[in-house]
Amino acid sequence: MPILKQTKIIFLFYFSFMKKISLVVVMIALIVLTNCTTHTVKLGEKCTPVASNNTYEKSYVWIVKNESVSAFDKKINKENCSKIEGKI
């Protein structure tokens, strides 16, 4: 068997093996990370109501606990941004 053909066979075996191993590693990582999700990411412009000292928070990315998503949506929303900027 020529050296070039042996090298090609070894390379194909190595490539196939590494592809299977990387797939297993990715699957394990996804399972572990899925079990650890206790937060939700909310995207879009949202603002808090104006506080007593005339300050507020505005962001496009919010990280919220899963237990408090409904309370978050009532308190922090896009309508507050419109009120603050005088668009209503």
PDB file of N, CA and C in Angstrom:
ATOM      1  N   MET A   1       0.854  -1.177   0.000  1.00  0.00           N
ATOM      2  CA  MET A   1       0.000   0.000   0.000  1.00  0.00           C
ATOM      3  C   MET A   1       0.899   1.239   0.000  1.00  0.00           C
ATOM      4  N   PRO A   2       0.676   2.160  -0.921  1.00  0.00           N
ATOM      5  CA  PRO A   2       1.525   3.358  -0.970  1.00  0.00           C
ATOM      6  C   PRO A   2       1.316   4.240   0.268  1.00  0.00           C
ATOM      7  N   ILE A   3       2.345   5.004   0.584  1.00  0.00           N
ATOM      8  CA  ILE A   3       2.335   5.878   1.766  1.00  0.00           C
ATOM      9  C   ILE A   3       1.209   6.911   1.671  1.00  0.00           C
ATOM     10  N   LEU A   4       0.993   7.460   0.501  1.00  0.00           N
ATOM     11  CA  LEU A   4      -0.036   8.491   0.331  1.00  0.00           C
ATOM     12  C   LEU A   4      -1.428   7.933   0.650  1.00  0.00           C
ATOM     13  N   LYS A   5      -1.701   6.726   0.220  1.00  0.00           N
ATOM     14  CA  LYS A   5      -3.000   6.117   0.481  1.00  0.00           C
ATOM     15  C   LYS A   5      -3.168   5.834   1.969  1.00  0.00           C
ATOM     16  N   GLN A   6      -2.101   5.386   2.655  1.00  0.00           N
ATOM     17  CA  GLN A   6      -2.153   5.138   4.098  1.00  0.00           C
ATOM     18  C   GLN A   6      -2.426   6.438   4.852  1.00  0.00           C
ATOM     19  N   THR A   7      -1.764   7.496   4.439  1.00  0.00           N
ATOM     20  CA  THR A   7      -1.943   8.791   5.081  1.00  0.00           C
ATOM     21  C   THR A   7      -3.383   9.276   4.914  1.00  0.00           C
ATOM     22  N   LYS A   8      -3.934   9.081   3.736  1.00  0.00           N
ATOM     23  CA  LYS A   8      -5.313   9.496   3.481  1.00  0.00           C
ATOM     24  C   LYS A   8      -6.288   8.708   4.362  1.00  0.00           C
ATOM     25  N   ILE A   9      -6.066   7.420   4.503  1.00  0.00           N
ATOM     26  CA  ILE A   9      -6.930   6.583   5.338  1.00  0.00           C
ATOM     27  C   ILE A   9      -6.838   7.019   6.801  1.00  0.00           C
ATOM     28  N   ILE A  10      -5.641   7.270   7.277  1.00  0.00           N
ATOM     29  CA  ILE A  10      -5.449   7.721   8.665  1.00  0.00           C
ATOM     30  C   ILE A  10      -6.136   9.061   8.885  1.00  0.00           C
ATOM     31  N   PHE A  11      -5.983   9.977   7.927  1.00  0.00           N
ATOM     32  CA  PHE A  11      -6.602  11.295   8.046  1.00  0.00           C
ATOM     33  C   PHE A  11      -8.127  11.175   8.102  1.00  0.00           C
ATOM     34  N   LEU A  12      -8.709  10.363   7.214  1.00  0.00           N
ATOM     35  CA  LEU A  12     -10.160  10.204   7.197  1.00  0.00           C
ATOM     36  C   LEU A  12     -10.663   9.577   8.485  1.00  0.00           C
ATOM     37  N   PHE A  13      -9.944   8.605   9.025  1.00  0.00           N
ATOM     38  CA  PHE A  13     -10.325   7.990  10.289  1.00  0.00           C
ATOM     39  C   PHE A  13     -10.261   9.023  11.413  1.00  0.00           C
ATOM     40  N   TYR A  14      -9.186   9.796  11.476  1.00  0.00           N
ATOM     41  CA  TYR A  14      -9.020  10.828  12.507  1.00  0.00           C
ATOM     42  C   TYR A  14     -10.128  11.878  12.402  1.00  0.00           C
ATOM     43  N   PHE A  15     -10.420  12.337  11.188  1.00  0.00           N
ATOM     44  CA  PHE A  15     -11.449  13.347  10.979  1.00  0.00           C
ATOM     45  C   PHE A  15     -12.812  12.825  11.432  1.00  0.00           C
ATOM     46  N   SER A  16     -13.149  11.605  11.067  1.00  0.00           N
ATOM     47  CA  SER A  16     -14.415  11.007  11.452  1.00  0.00           C
ATOM     48  C   SER A  16     -14.519  10.868  12.979  1.00  0.00           C
ATOM     49  N   PHE A  17     -13.446  10.433  13.604  1.00  0.00           N
ATOM     50  CA  PHE A  17     -13.406  10.265  15.057  1.00  0.00           C
ATOM     51  C   PHE A  17     -13.586  11.600  15.767  1.00  0.00           C
ATOM     52  N   MET A  18     -12.881  12.620  15.337  1.00  0.00           N
ATOM     53  CA  MET A  18     -12.969  13.941  15.970  1.00  0.00           C
ATOM     54  C   MET A  18     -14.355  14.558  15.776  1.00  0.00           C
ATOM     55  N   LYS A  19     -14.965  14.308  14.637  1.00  0.00           N
ATOM     56  CA  LYS A  19     -16.305  14.828  14.378  1.00  0.00           C
ATOM     57  C   LYS A  19     -17.311  14.213  15.357  1.00  0.00           C
ATOM     58  N   LYS A  20     -17.200  12.913  15.597  1.00  0.00           N
ATOM     59  CA  LYS A  20     -18.097  12.236  16.534  1.00  0.00           C
ATOM     60  C   LYS A  20     -17.868  12.719  17.964  1.00  0.00           C
ATOM     61  N   ILE A  21     -16.607  12.884  18.353  1.00  0.00           N
ATOM     62  CA  ILE A  21     -16.283  13.347  19.705  1.00  0.00           C
ATOM     63  C   ILE A  21     -16.800  14.767  19.916  1.00  0.00           C
ATOM     64  N   SER A  22     -16.608  15.647  18.944  1.00  0.00           N
ATOM     65  CA  SER A  22     -17.067  17.026  19.109  1.00  0.00           C
ATOM     66  C   SER A  22     -18.591  17.081  19.195  1.00  0.00           C
ATOM     67  N   LEU A  23     -19.291  16.228  18.458  1.00  0.00           N
ATOM     68  CA  LEU A  23     -20.741  16.180  18.543  1.00  0.00           C
ATOM     69  C   LEU A  23     -21.186  15.757  19.942  1.00  0.00           C
ATOM     70  N   VAL A  24     -20.525  14.788  20.522  1.00  0.00           N
ATOM     71  CA  VAL A  24     -20.853  14.329  21.875  1.00  0.00           C
ATOM     72  C   VAL A  24     -20.601  15.446  22.886  1.00  0.00           C
ATOM     73  N   VAL A  25     -19.497  16.151  22.756  1.00  0.00           N
ATOM     74  CA  VAL A  25     -19.169  17.242  23.679  1.00  0.00           C
ATOM     75  C   VAL A  25     -20.207  18.357  23.577  1.00  0.00           C
ATOM     76  N   VAL A  26     -20.610  18.709  22.381  1.00  0.00           N
ATOM     77  CA  VAL A  26     -21.607  19.763  22.194  1.00  0.00           C
ATOM     78  C   VAL A  26     -22.944  19.333  22.787  1.00  0.00           C
ATOM     79  N   MET A  27     -23.348  18.099  22.589  1.00  0.00           N
ATOM     80  CA  MET A  27     -24.614  17.612  23.144  1.00  0.00           C
ATOM     81  C   MET A  27     -24.601  17.643  24.674  1.00  0.00           C
ATOM     82  N   ILE A  28     -23.508  17.229  25.282  1.00  0.00           N
ATOM     83  CA  ILE A  28     -23.399  17.263  26.744  1.00  0.00           C
ATOM     84  C   ILE A  28     -23.455  18.704  27.249  1.00  0.00           C
ATOM     85  N   ALA A  29     -22.769  19.614  26.566  1.00  0.00           N
ATOM     86  CA  ALA A  29     -22.774  21.021  26.965  1.00  0.00           C
ATOM     87  C   ALA A  29     -24.187  21.607  26.873  1.00  0.00           C
ATOM     88  N   LEU A  30     -24.917  21.286  25.825  1.00  0.00           N
ATOM     89  CA  LEU A  30     -26.285  21.790  25.684  1.00  0.00           C
ATOM     90  C   LEU A  30     -27.201  21.262  26.778  1.00  0.00           C
ATOM     91  N   ILE A  31     -27.059  20.013  27.126  1.00  0.00           N
ATOM     92  CA  ILE A  31     -27.884  19.435  28.189  1.00  0.00           C
ATOM     93  C   ILE A  31     -27.581  20.110  29.522  1.00  0.00           C
ATOM     94  N   VAL A  32     -26.311  20.304  29.815  1.00  0.00           N
ATOM     95  CA  VAL A  32     -25.919  20.936  31.080  1.00  0.00           C
ATOM     96  C   VAL A  32     -26.421  22.377  31.129  1.00  0.00           C
ATOM     97  N   LEU A  33     -26.246  23.117  30.048  1.00  0.00           N
ATOM     98  CA  LEU A  33     -26.670  24.516  30.038  1.00  0.00           C
ATOM     99  C   LEU A  33     -28.190  24.656  30.072  1.00  0.00           C
ATOM    100  N   THR A  34     -28.901  23.747  29.468  1.00  0.00           N
ATOM    101  CA  THR A  34     -30.358  23.806  29.483  1.00  0.00           C
ATOM    102  C   THR A  34     -30.899  23.633  30.895  1.00  0.00           C
ATOM    103  N   ASN A  35     -30.280  22.787  31.665  1.00  0.00           N
ATOM    104  CA  ASN A  35     -30.729  22.567  33.032  1.00  0.00           C
ATOM    105  C   ASN A  35     -30.384  23.726  33.960  1.00  0.00           C
ATOM    106  N   CYS A  36     -29.517  24.599  33.537  1.00  0.00           N
ATOM    107  CA  CYS A  36     -29.075  25.704  34.389  1.00  0.00           C
ATOM    108  C   CYS A  36     -29.798  27.018  34.085  1.00  0.00           C
ATOM    109  N   THR A  37     -30.726  27.026  33.178  1.00  0.00           N
ATOM    110  CA  THR A  37     -31.356  28.291  32.801  1.00  0.00           C
ATOM    111  C   THR A  37     -32.447  28.664  33.791  1.00  0.00           C
ATOM    112  N   THR A  38     -32.199  29.714  34.538  1.00  0.00           N
ATOM    113  CA  THR A  38     -33.191  30.254  35.465  1.00  0.00           C
ATOM    114  C   THR A  38     -33.533  31.689  35.100  1.00  0.00           C
ATOM    115  N   HIS A  39     -32.987  32.153  33.991  1.00  0.00           N
ATOM    116  CA  HIS A  39     -33.220  33.525  33.556  1.00  0.00           C
ATOM    117  C   HIS A  39     -33.697  33.555  32.109  1.00  0.00           C
ATOM    118  N   THR A  40     -34.371  34.641  31.769  1.00  0.00           N
ATOM    119  CA  THR A  40     -34.827  34.886  30.405  1.00  0.00           C
ATOM    120  C   THR A  40     -34.206  36.189  29.932  1.00  0.00           C
ATOM    121  N   VAL A  41     -33.879  36.268  28.665  1.00  0.00           N
ATOM    122  CA  VAL A  41     -33.334  37.497  28.098  1.00  0.00           C
ATOM    123  C   VAL A  41     -34.446  38.194  27.329  1.00  0.00           C
ATOM    124  N   LYS A  42     -34.709  39.431  27.698  1.00  0.00           N
ATOM    125  CA  LYS A  42     -35.719  40.251  27.028  1.00  0.00           C
ATOM    126  C   LYS A  42     -34.992  41.260  26.151  1.00  0.00           C
ATOM    127  N   LEU A  43     -35.379  41.330  24.887  1.00  0.00           N
ATOM    128  CA  LEU A  43     -34.739  42.245  23.947  1.00  0.00           C
ATOM    129  C   LEU A  43     -35.708  43.342  23.540  1.00  0.00           C
ATOM    130  N   GLY A  44     -35.173  44.508  23.259  1.00  0.00           N
ATOM    131  CA  GLY A  44     -35.989  45.637  22.831  1.00  0.00           C
ATOM    132  C   GLY A  44     -35.889  46.777  23.825  1.00  0.00           C
ATOM    133  N   GLU A  45     -36.164  47.968  23.344  1.00  0.00           N
ATOM    134  CA  GLU A  45     -36.075  49.152  24.195  1.00  0.00           C
ATOM    135  C   GLU A  45     -37.148  49.115  25.271  1.00  0.00           C
ATOM    136  N   LYS A  46     -36.725  49.145  26.519  1.00  0.00           N
ATOM    137  CA  LYS A  46     -37.640  49.163  27.657  1.00  0.00           C
ATOM    138  C   LYS A  46     -37.085  50.129  28.712  1.00  0.00           C
ATOM    139  N   CYS A  47     -37.985  50.755  29.455  1.00  0.00           N
ATOM    140  CA  CYS A  47     -37.585  51.713  30.489  1.00  0.00           C
ATOM    141  C   CYS A  47     -38.324  51.430  31.781  1.00  0.00           C
ATOM    142  N   THR A  48     -37.697  51.805  32.888  1.00  0.00           N
ATOM    143  CA  THR A  48     -38.353  51.747  34.190  1.00  0.00           C
ATOM    144  C   THR A  48     -39.153  53.033  34.375  1.00  0.00           C
ATOM    145  N   PRO A  49     -40.126  53.025  35.269  1.00  0.00           N
ATOM    146  CA  PRO A  49     -40.840  54.284  35.557  1.00  0.00           C
ATOM    147  C   PRO A  49     -39.874  55.296  36.184  1.00  0.00           C
ATOM    148  N   VAL A  50     -40.211  56.565  36.056  1.00  0.00           N
ATOM    149  CA  VAL A  50     -39.374  57.618  36.633  1.00  0.00           C
ATOM    150  C   VAL A  50     -39.463  57.534  38.156  1.00  0.00           C
ATOM    151  N   ALA A  51     -38.305  57.540  38.805  1.00  0.00           N
ATOM    152  CA  ALA A  51     -38.250  57.460  40.272  1.00  0.00           C
ATOM    153  C   ALA A  51     -38.508  58.844  40.874  1.00  0.00           C
ATOM    154  N   SER A  52     -38.571  58.894  42.187  1.00  0.00           N
ATOM    155  CA  SER A  52     -38.855  60.161  42.879  1.00  0.00           C
ATOM    156  C   SER A  52     -37.754  61.200  42.681  1.00  0.00           C
ATOM    157  N   ASN A  53     -36.539  60.742  42.366  1.00  0.00           N
ATOM    158  CA  ASN A  53     -35.441  61.685  42.135  1.00  0.00           C
ATOM    159  C   ASN A  53     -35.221  61.952  40.641  1.00  0.00           C
ATOM    160  N   ASN A  54     -36.254  61.722  39.825  1.00  0.00           N
ATOM    161  CA  ASN A  54     -36.245  61.974  38.379  1.00  0.00           C
ATOM    162  C   ASN A  54     -35.194  61.166  37.613  1.00  0.00           C
ATOM    163  N   THR A  55     -34.953  59.941  38.024  1.00  0.00           N
ATOM    164  CA  THR A  55     -34.041  59.059  37.293  1.00  0.00           C
ATOM    165  C   THR A  55     -34.821  57.849  36.787  1.00  0.00           C
ATOM    166  N   TYR A  56     -34.290  57.236  35.760  1.00  0.00           N
ATOM    167  CA  TYR A  56     -34.883  56.017  35.218  1.00  0.00           C
ATOM    168  C   TYR A  56     -33.787  55.200  34.531  1.00  0.00           C
ATOM    169  N   GLU A  57     -34.103  53.938  34.246  1.00  0.00           N
ATOM    170  CA  GLU A  57     -33.172  53.070  33.543  1.00  0.00           C
ATOM    171  C   GLU A  57     -33.746  52.740  32.174  1.00  0.00           C
ATOM    172  N   LYS A  58     -32.877  52.727  31.183  1.00  0.00           N
ATOM    173  CA  LYS A  58     -33.286  52.401  29.819  1.00  0.00           C
ATOM    174  C   LYS A  58     -32.252  51.427  29.255  1.00  0.00           C
ATOM    175  N   SER A  59     -32.750  50.352  28.621  1.00  0.00           N
ATOM    176  CA  SER A  59     -31.833  49.368  28.055  1.00  0.00           C
ATOM    177  C   SER A  59     -32.517  48.630  26.913  1.00  0.00           C
ATOM    178  N   TYR A  60     -31.711  48.002  26.072  1.00  0.00           N
ATOM    179  CA  TYR A  60     -32.214  47.173  24.984  1.00  0.00           C
ATOM    180  C   TYR A  60     -32.105  45.690  25.306  1.00  0.00           C
ATOM    181  N   VAL A  61     -31.349  45.336  26.353  1.00  0.00           N
ATOM    182  CA  VAL A  61     -31.175  43.941  26.773  1.00  0.00           C
ATOM    183  C   VAL A  61     -31.423  43.871  28.274  1.00  0.00           C
ATOM    184  N   TRP A  62     -32.366  43.030  28.680  1.00  0.00           N
ATOM    185  CA  TRP A  62     -32.699  42.849  30.088  1.00  0.00           C
ATOM    186  C   TRP A  62     -32.606  41.366  30.409  1.00  0.00           C
ATOM    187  N   ILE A  63     -31.990  41.010  31.520  1.00  0.00           N
ATOM    188  CA  ILE A  63     -31.915  39.627  31.987  1.00  0.00           C
ATOM    189  C   ILE A  63     -32.832  39.515  33.204  1.00  0.00           C
ATOM    190  N   VAL A  64     -33.848  38.640  33.098  1.00  0.00           N
ATOM    191  CA  VAL A  64     -34.910  38.564  34.094  1.00  0.00           C
ATOM    192  C   VAL A  64     -35.028  37.131  34.599  1.00  0.00           C
ATOM    193  N   LYS A  65     -35.266  36.984  35.914  1.00  0.00           N
ATOM    194  CA  LYS A  65     -35.537  35.660  36.467  1.00  0.00           C
ATOM    195  C   LYS A  65     -36.850  35.134  35.921  1.00  0.00           C
ATOM    196  N   ASN A  66     -36.922  33.844  35.688  1.00  0.00           N
ATOM    197  CA  ASN A  66     -38.141  33.244  35.140  1.00  0.00           C
ATOM    198  C   ASN A  66     -39.342  33.448  36.052  1.00  0.00           C
ATOM    199  N   GLU A  67     -39.140  33.479  37.365  1.00  0.00           N
ATOM    200  CA  GLU A  67     -40.244  33.634  38.308  1.00  0.00           C
ATOM    201  C   GLU A  67     -40.875  35.022  38.254  1.00  0.00           C
ATOM    202  N   SER A  68     -40.125  36.024  37.799  1.00  0.00           N
ATOM    203  CA  SER A  68     -40.623  37.402  37.858  1.00  0.00           C
ATOM    204  C   SER A  68     -40.865  38.019  36.484  1.00  0.00           C
ATOM    205  N   VAL A  69     -41.070  37.208  35.471  1.00  0.00           N
ATOM    206  CA  VAL A  69     -41.267  37.746  34.118  1.00  0.00           C
ATOM    207  C   VAL A  69     -42.550  38.568  34.021  1.00  0.00           C
ATOM    208  N   SER A  70     -43.640  38.092  34.591  1.00  0.00           N
ATOM    209  CA  SER A  70     -44.900  38.834  34.480  1.00  0.00           C
ATOM    210  C   SER A  70     -44.830  40.170  35.221  1.00  0.00           C
ATOM    211  N   ALA A  71     -44.224  40.194  36.402  1.00  0.00           N
ATOM    212  CA  ALA A  71     -44.063  41.452  37.141  1.00  0.00           C
ATOM    213  C   ALA A  71     -43.136  42.400  36.393  1.00  0.00           C
ATOM    214  N   PHE A  72     -42.121  41.850  35.743  1.00  0.00           N
ATOM    215  CA  PHE A  72     -41.185  42.662  34.968  1.00  0.00           C
ATOM    216  C   PHE A  72     -41.913  43.355  33.824  1.00  0.00           C
ATOM    217  N   ASP A  73     -42.751  42.602  33.105  1.00  0.00           N
ATOM    218  CA  ASP A  73     -43.465  43.177  31.965  1.00  0.00           C
ATOM    219  C   ASP A  73     -44.417  44.291  32.378  1.00  0.00           C
ATOM    220  N   LYS A  74     -44.981  44.213  33.570  1.00  0.00           N
ATOM    221  CA  LYS A  74     -45.879  45.265  34.051  1.00  0.00           C
ATOM    222  C   LYS A  74     -45.107  46.512  34.457  1.00  0.00           C
ATOM    223  N   LYS A  75     -43.927  46.331  35.063  1.00  0.00           N
ATOM    224  CA  LYS A  75     -43.174  47.456  35.612  1.00  0.00           C
ATOM    225  C   LYS A  75     -42.243  48.095  34.579  1.00  0.00           C
ATOM    226  N   ILE A  76     -41.589  47.277  33.775  1.00  0.00           N
ATOM    227  CA  ILE A  76     -40.593  47.779  32.827  1.00  0.00           C
ATOM    228  C   ILE A  76     -41.081  47.477  31.419  1.00  0.00           C
ATOM    229  N   ASN A  77     -41.390  48.536  30.659  1.00  0.00           N
ATOM    230  CA  ASN A  77     -41.939  48.329  29.330  1.00  0.00           C
ATOM    231  C   ASN A  77     -41.634  49.507  28.410  1.00  0.00           C
ATOM    232  N   LYS A  78     -42.047  49.377  27.153  1.00  0.00           N
ATOM    233  CA  LYS A  78     -41.760  50.399  26.158  1.00  0.00           C
ATOM    234  C   LYS A  78     -42.610  51.656  26.361  1.00  0.00           C
ATOM    235  N   GLU A  79     -43.790  51.502  26.933  1.00  0.00           N
ATOM    236  CA  GLU A  79     -44.653  52.661  27.164  1.00  0.00           C
ATOM    237  C   GLU A  79     -43.989  53.672  28.102  1.00  0.00           C
ATOM    238  N   ASN A  80     -43.228  53.185  29.076  1.00  0.00           N
ATOM    239  CA  ASN A  80     -42.510  54.099  29.979  1.00  0.00           C
ATOM    240  C   ASN A  80     -41.515  54.949  29.203  1.00  0.00           C
ATOM    241  N   CYS A  81     -40.868  54.370  28.208  1.00  0.00           N
ATOM    242  CA  CYS A  81     -39.912  55.143  27.398  1.00  0.00           C
ATOM    243  C   CYS A  81     -40.632  56.255  26.644  1.00  0.00           C
ATOM    244  N   SER A  82     -41.831  55.929  26.098  1.00  0.00           N
ATOM    245  CA  SER A  82     -42.586  56.938  25.361  1.00  0.00           C
ATOM    246  C   SER A  82     -43.035  58.073  26.276  1.00  0.00           C
ATOM    247  N   LYS A  83     -43.453  57.741  27.488  1.00  0.00           N
ATOM    248  CA  LYS A  83     -43.876  58.761  28.459  1.00  0.00           C
ATOM    249  C   LYS A  83     -42.699  59.655  28.839  1.00  0.00           C
ATOM    250  N   ILE A  84     -41.552  59.041  29.045  1.00  0.00           N
ATOM    251  CA  ILE A  84     -40.370  59.801  29.456  1.00  0.00           C
ATOM    252  C   ILE A  84     -39.903  60.737  28.353  1.00  0.00           C
ATOM    253  N   GLU A  85     -39.938  60.263  27.127  1.00  0.00           N
ATOM    254  CA  GLU A  85     -39.450  61.069  26.008  1.00  0.00           C
ATOM    255  C   GLU A  85     -40.521  62.021  25.475  1.00  0.00           C
ATOM    256  N   GLY A  86     -41.709  61.993  26.089  1.00  0.00           N
ATOM    257  CA  GLY A  86     -42.763  62.935  25.712  1.00  0.00           C
ATOM    258  C   GLY A  86     -43.423  62.612  24.381  1.00  0.00           C
ATOM    259  N   LYS A  87     -43.430  61.359  23.991  1.00  0.00           N
ATOM    260  CA  LYS A  87     -44.009  60.988  22.702  1.00  0.00           C
ATOM    261  C   LYS A  87     -45.501  60.709  22.799  1.00  0.00           C
ATOM    262  N   ILE A  88     -46.034  60.583  23.994  1.00  0.00           N
ATOM    263  CA  ILE A  88     -47.482  60.302  24.131  1.00  0.00           C
ATOM    264  C   ILE A  88     -48.235  61.597  24.313  1.00  0.00           C
TER     265      ILE A  88
END
